């Protein structure tokens, strides 16, 4: 297997030199140029198929500014909400999902996951910002509850764009 360093989209059509617009569909192709592998991008109108000897090609869509993910609340707000959930035993599943979200966003670091022993399965997470370690009971909510949790967290923690 060969590894290639593929450059990012040029945002310009290689055939017409027209700038590609956000949300526009285009084609990319990898071609050999001596010892190098070069990427060329083509608008749909200019695409005539991959040239002979192409290493590979694909169809894609140029991202638009609207396709970004959610703008989450600041880390301190998320940590405050996470800490407040510890006081409400009916929100254990929300707290667990929040812990996973904050691990993914690198607000918390997973220290340990204990599943053996007599007690309930726990995640042990650490906040470097607050220099605090938290124990979070592992919850396995059903599909319907997961959807409810996602909506609840999104409503509370997504910033106005």
C-alpha atoms as a PDB file:
ATOM      1  CA  UNK A   1       0.000   0.000   0.000  1.00  0.00           C
ATOM      2  CA  UNK A   2       1.237   3.503  -0.828  1.00  0.00           C
ATOM      3  CA  UNK A   3       0.694   6.642   1.232  1.00  0.00           C
ATOM      4  CA  UNK A   4       0.094   9.985  -0.473  1.00  0.00           C
ATOM      5  CA  UNK A   5       0.018  13.479   0.935  1.00  0.00           C
ATOM      6  CA  UNK A   6      -3.110  14.845  -0.707  1.00  0.00           C
ATOM      7  CA  UNK A   7      -3.390  18.609  -0.739  1.00  0.00           C
ATOM      8  CA  UNK A   8      -6.606  20.355   0.238  1.00  0.00           C
ATOM      9  CA  UNK A   9      -9.203  21.443  -2.277  1.00  0.00           C
ATOM     10  CA  UNK A  10      -7.906  24.332  -4.368  1.00  0.00           C
ATOM     11  CA  UNK A  11     -11.417  25.839  -4.570  1.00  0.00           C
ATOM     12  CA  UNK A  12     -10.736  26.535  -8.266  1.00  0.00           C
ATOM     13  CA  UNK A  13     -11.656  24.534 -11.348  1.00  0.00           C
ATOM     14  CA  UNK A  14      -8.468  23.191 -12.974  1.00  0.00           C
ATOM     15  CA  UNK A  15     -10.008  23.438 -16.473  1.00  0.00           C
ATOM     16  CA  UNK A  16     -11.674  26.875 -16.355  1.00  0.00           C
ATOM     17  CA  UNK A  17      -9.864  28.542 -13.402  1.00  0.00           C
ATOM     18  CA  UNK A  18     -13.324  29.526 -12.096  1.00  0.00           C
ATOM     19  CA  UNK A  19     -13.656  29.762  -8.319  1.00  0.00           C
ATOM     20  CA  UNK A  20     -15.872  27.024  -6.869  1.00  0.00           C
ATOM     21  CA  UNK A  21     -18.755  28.302  -4.712  1.00  0.00           C
ATOM     22  CA  UNK A  22     -19.682  27.097  -1.218  1.00  0.00           C
ATOM     23  CA  UNK A  23     -22.156  24.213  -1.477  1.00  0.00           C
ATOM     24  CA  UNK A  24     -21.150  23.493  -5.096  1.00  0.00           C
ATOM     25  CA  UNK A  25     -20.570  19.896  -6.219  1.00  0.00           C
ATOM     26  CA  UNK A  26     -17.192  19.246  -7.836  1.00  0.00           C
ATOM     27  CA  UNK A  27     -14.857  16.404  -8.803  1.00  0.00           C
ATOM     28  CA  UNK A  28     -11.307  15.828  -7.591  1.00  0.00           C
ATOM     29  CA  UNK A  29      -8.721  13.648  -9.235  1.00  0.00           C
ATOM     30  CA  UNK A  30      -5.217  12.538  -8.239  1.00  0.00           C
ATOM     31  CA  UNK A  31      -2.720  12.374 -11.100  1.00  0.00           C
ATOM     32  CA  UNK A  32       0.972  11.611 -11.226  1.00  0.00           C
ATOM     33  CA  UNK A  33       3.306  14.492 -12.051  1.00  0.00           C
ATOM     34  CA  UNK A  34       6.733  12.870 -12.130  1.00  0.00           C
ATOM     35  CA  UNK A  35       7.399  11.492  -8.647  1.00  0.00           C
ATOM     36  CA  UNK A  36       4.586  13.624  -7.148  1.00  0.00           C
ATOM     37  CA  UNK A  37       0.868  12.976  -6.909  1.00  0.00           C
ATOM     38  CA  UNK A  38      -1.116  16.160  -7.596  1.00  0.00           C
ATOM     39  CA  UNK A  39      -4.756  16.934  -6.851  1.00  0.00           C
ATOM     40  CA  UNK A  40      -6.878  18.717  -9.429  1.00  0.00           C
ATOM     41  CA  UNK A  41     -10.432  19.926  -8.792  1.00  0.00           C
ATOM     42  CA  UNK A  42     -13.069  20.338 -11.514  1.00  0.00           C
ATOM     43  CA  UNK A  43     -16.501  21.928 -11.627  1.00  0.00           C
ATOM     44  CA  UNK A  44     -19.327  19.609 -12.691  1.00  0.00           C
ATOM     45  CA  UNK A  45     -19.564  21.441 -16.040  1.00  0.00           C
ATOM     46  CA  UNK A  46     -15.850  20.976 -16.810  1.00  0.00           C
ATOM     47  CA  UNK A  47     -15.578  17.350 -15.621  1.00  0.00           C
ATOM     48  CA  UNK A  48     -15.011  14.959 -18.527  1.00  0.00           C
ATOM     49  CA  UNK A  49     -14.080  11.950 -16.450  1.00  0.00           C
ATOM     50  CA  UNK A  50     -10.839  10.912 -14.850  1.00  0.00           C
ATOM     51  CA  UNK A  51      -7.829  11.165 -17.157  1.00  0.00           C
ATOM     52  CA  UNK A  52      -6.073   7.997 -18.182  1.00  0.00           C
ATOM     53  CA  UNK A  53      -3.550   6.897 -15.558  1.00  0.00           C
ATOM     54  CA  UNK A  54      -5.318   8.739 -12.738  1.00  0.00           C
ATOM     55  CA  UNK A  55      -4.486   7.386  -9.294  1.00  0.00           C
ATOM     56  CA  UNK A  56      -8.055   8.026  -8.103  1.00  0.00           C
ATOM     57  CA  UNK A  57     -10.981  10.402  -8.279  1.00  0.00           C
ATOM     58  CA  UNK A  58     -14.071  11.326  -6.246  1.00  0.00           C
ATOM     59  CA  UNK A  59     -17.112  13.565  -6.260  1.00  0.00           C
ATOM     60  CA  UNK A  60     -17.553  15.983  -3.372  1.00  0.00           C
ATOM     61  CA  UNK A  61     -19.305  19.140  -2.228  1.00  0.00           C
ATOM     62  CA  UNK A  62     -17.512  22.292  -1.158  1.00  0.00           C
ATOM     63  CA  UNK A  63     -18.517  23.056   2.435  1.00  0.00           C
ATOM     64  CA  UNK A  64     -20.702  26.076   2.982  1.00  0.00           C
ATOM     65  CA  UNK A  65     -20.414  28.320   6.010  1.00  0.00           C
ATOM     66  CA  UNK A  66     -23.773  27.005   7.190  1.00  0.00           C
ATOM     67  CA  UNK A  67     -22.626  23.375   7.394  1.00  0.00           C
ATOM     68  CA  UNK A  68     -20.485  23.911  10.485  1.00  0.00           C
ATOM     69  CA  UNK A  69     -21.324  22.029  13.622  1.00  0.00           C
ATOM     70  CA  UNK A  70     -22.963  23.670  16.598  1.00  0.00           C
ATOM     71  CA  UNK A  71     -21.299  26.508  18.495  1.00  0.00           C
ATOM     72  CA  UNK A  72     -21.108  25.069  21.992  1.00  0.00           C
ATOM     73  CA  UNK A  73     -21.213  27.046  25.196  1.00  0.00           C
ATOM     74  CA  UNK A  74     -17.879  27.915  26.842  1.00  0.00           C
ATOM     75  CA  UNK A  75     -16.119  25.174  28.808  1.00  0.00           C
ATOM     76  CA  UNK A  76     -16.873  26.801  32.184  1.00  0.00           C
ATOM     77  CA  UNK A  77     -20.606  26.829  31.437  1.00  0.00           C
ATOM     78  CA  UNK A  78     -20.502  23.168  30.440  1.00  0.00           C
ATOM     79  CA  UNK A  79     -18.564  22.260  33.597  1.00  0.00           C
ATOM     80  CA  UNK A  80     -20.999  24.220  35.803  1.00  0.00           C
ATOM     81  CA  UNK A  81     -23.952  22.383  34.267  1.00  0.00           C
ATOM     82  CA  UNK A  82     -22.148  19.028  34.572  1.00  0.00           C
ATOM     83  CA  UNK A  83     -21.429  19.653  38.270  1.00  0.00           C
ATOM     84  CA  UNK A  84     -25.035  20.698  38.933  1.00  0.00           C
ATOM     85  CA  UNK A  85     -26.278  17.403  37.461  1.00  0.00           C
ATOM     86  CA  UNK A  86     -24.531  15.502  40.282  1.00  0.00           C
ATOM     87  CA  UNK A  87     -27.144  16.878  42.685  1.00  0.00           C
ATOM     88  CA  UNK A  88     -30.078  15.380  40.763  1.00  0.00           C
ATOM     89  CA  UNK A  89     -30.175  11.532  40.736  1.00  0.00           C
ATOM     90  CA  UNK A  90     -32.884  11.584  38.036  1.00  0.00           C
ATOM     91  CA  UNK A  91     -30.342  13.172  35.644  1.00  0.00           C
ATOM     92  CA  UNK A  92     -27.624  10.496  35.948  1.00  0.00           C
ATOM     93  CA  UNK A  93     -27.992   9.585  32.278  1.00  0.00           C
ATOM     94  CA  UNK A  94     -27.697  13.247  31.211  1.00  0.00           C
ATOM     95  CA  UNK A  95     -24.564  13.637  33.333  1.00  0.00           C
ATOM     96  CA  UNK A  96     -23.057  10.529  31.726  1.00  0.00           C
ATOM     97  CA  UNK A  97     -23.739  11.861  28.214  1.00  0.00           C
ATOM     98  CA  UNK A  98     -22.313  15.263  29.230  1.00  0.00           C
ATOM     99  CA  UNK A  99     -19.148  13.527  30.466  1.00  0.00           C
ATOM    100  CA  UNK A 100     -18.765  11.753  27.111  1.00  0.00           C
ATOM    101  CA  UNK A 101     -19.340  15.016  25.222  1.00  0.00           C
ATOM    102  CA  UNK A 102     -16.763  16.850  27.323  1.00  0.00           C
ATOM    103  CA  UNK A 103     -14.231  14.016  26.895  1.00  0.00           C
ATOM    104  CA  UNK A 104     -14.681  14.328  23.158  1.00  0.00           C
ATOM    105  CA  UNK A 105     -14.248  18.120  23.328  1.00  0.00           C
ATOM    106  CA  UNK A 106     -11.164  17.645  25.562  1.00  0.00           C
ATOM    107  CA  UNK A 107     -12.729  19.537  28.459  1.00  0.00           C
ATOM    108  CA  UNK A 108     -12.477  16.373  30.556  1.00  0.00           C
ATOM    109  CA  UNK A 109      -9.895  13.605  30.378  1.00  0.00           C
ATOM    110  CA  UNK A 110     -10.840   9.972  30.944  1.00  0.00           C
ATOM    111  CA  UNK A 111      -8.744   8.662  33.827  1.00  0.00           C
ATOM    112  CA  UNK A 112     -10.348   5.271  34.447  1.00  0.00           C
ATOM    113  CA  UNK A 113     -13.390   3.179  33.611  1.00  0.00           C
ATOM    114  CA  UNK A 114     -14.183   0.673  36.321  1.00  0.00           C
ATOM    115  CA  UNK A 115     -16.647  -2.070  35.612  1.00  0.00           C
ATOM    116  CA  UNK A 116     -15.369  -4.755  37.883  1.00  0.00           C
ATOM    117  CA  UNK A 117     -16.163  -5.104  41.538  1.00  0.00           C
ATOM    118  CA  UNK A 118     -19.312  -4.868  43.536  1.00  0.00           C
ATOM    119  CA  UNK A 119     -20.418  -1.304  42.826  1.00  0.00           C
ATOM    120  CA  UNK A 120     -21.888   0.210  39.678  1.00  0.00           C
ATOM    121  CA  UNK A 121     -19.719   0.776  36.618  1.00  0.00           C
ATOM    122  CA  UNK A 122     -18.060   4.204  36.805  1.00  0.00           C
ATOM    123  CA  UNK A 123     -16.107   6.610  34.640  1.00  0.00           C
ATOM    124  CA  UNK A 124     -13.440   8.596  36.407  1.00  0.00           C
ATOM    125  CA  UNK A 125     -12.783  11.862  34.563  1.00  0.00           C
ATOM    126  CA  UNK A 126     -10.500  14.804  35.300  1.00  0.00           C
ATOM    127  CA  UNK A 127     -10.849  18.516  34.573  1.00  0.00           C
ATOM    128  CA  UNK A 128      -7.431  20.151  34.229  1.00  0.00           C
ATOM    129  CA  UNK A 129      -9.120  23.546  34.198  1.00  0.00           C
ATOM    130  CA  UNK A 130     -10.641  22.992  37.641  1.00  0.00           C
ATOM    131  CA  UNK A 131      -8.063  20.457  38.819  1.00  0.00           C
ATOM    132  CA  UNK A 132     -10.940  18.231  39.885  1.00  0.00           C
ATOM    133  CA  UNK A 133     -11.643  14.541  39.468  1.00  0.00           C
ATOM    134  CA  UNK A 134     -15.232  13.331  39.011  1.00  0.00           C
ATOM    135  CA  UNK A 135     -16.844   9.912  39.254  1.00  0.00           C
ATOM    136  CA  UNK A 136     -19.702   9.412  36.836  1.00  0.00           C
ATOM    137  CA  UNK A 137     -21.964   6.347  36.962  1.00  0.00           C
ATOM    138  CA  UNK A 138     -22.237   4.693  33.546  1.00  0.00           C
ATOM    139  CA  UNK A 139     -25.776   4.902  32.182  1.00  0.00           C
ATOM    140  CA  UNK A 140     -27.179   3.053  29.189  1.00  0.00           C
ATOM    141  CA  UNK A 141     -30.279   5.001  28.158  1.00  0.00           C
ATOM    142  CA  UNK A 142     -32.606   3.597  25.515  1.00  0.00           C
ATOM    143  CA  UNK A 143     -32.915   5.080  22.025  1.00  0.00           C
ATOM    144  CA  UNK A 144     -35.883   7.301  22.907  1.00  0.00           C
ATOM    145  CA  UNK A 145     -34.128   8.647  26.014  1.00  0.00           C
ATOM    146  CA  UNK A 146     -30.951   9.294  24.020  1.00  0.00           C
ATOM    147  CA  UNK A 147     -32.935  11.482  21.620  1.00  0.00           C
ATOM    148  CA  UNK A 148     -34.432  13.395  24.572  1.00  0.00           C
ATOM    149  CA  UNK A 149     -30.992  13.911  26.123  1.00  0.00           C
ATOM    150  CA  UNK A 150     -29.543  15.180  22.845  1.00  0.00           C
ATOM    151  CA  UNK A 151     -32.329  17.739  22.504  1.00  0.00           C
ATOM    152  CA  UNK A 152     -31.991  18.819  26.141  1.00  0.00           C
ATOM    153  CA  UNK A 153     -28.226  19.293  25.922  1.00  0.00           C
ATOM    154  CA  UNK A 154     -28.443  21.080  22.582  1.00  0.00           C
ATOM    155  CA  UNK A 155     -31.076  23.508  23.866  1.00  0.00           C
ATOM    156  CA  UNK A 156     -29.059  24.283  26.995  1.00  0.00           C
ATOM    157  CA  UNK A 157     -25.539  24.428  25.662  1.00  0.00           C
ATOM    158  CA  UNK A 158     -25.574  25.571  22.052  1.00  0.00           C
ATOM    159  CA  UNK A 159     -24.667  29.247  21.796  1.00  0.00           C
ATOM    160  CA  UNK A 160     -26.621  31.545  19.562  1.00  0.00           C
ATOM    161  CA  UNK A 161     -24.736  31.676  16.281  1.00  0.00           C
END
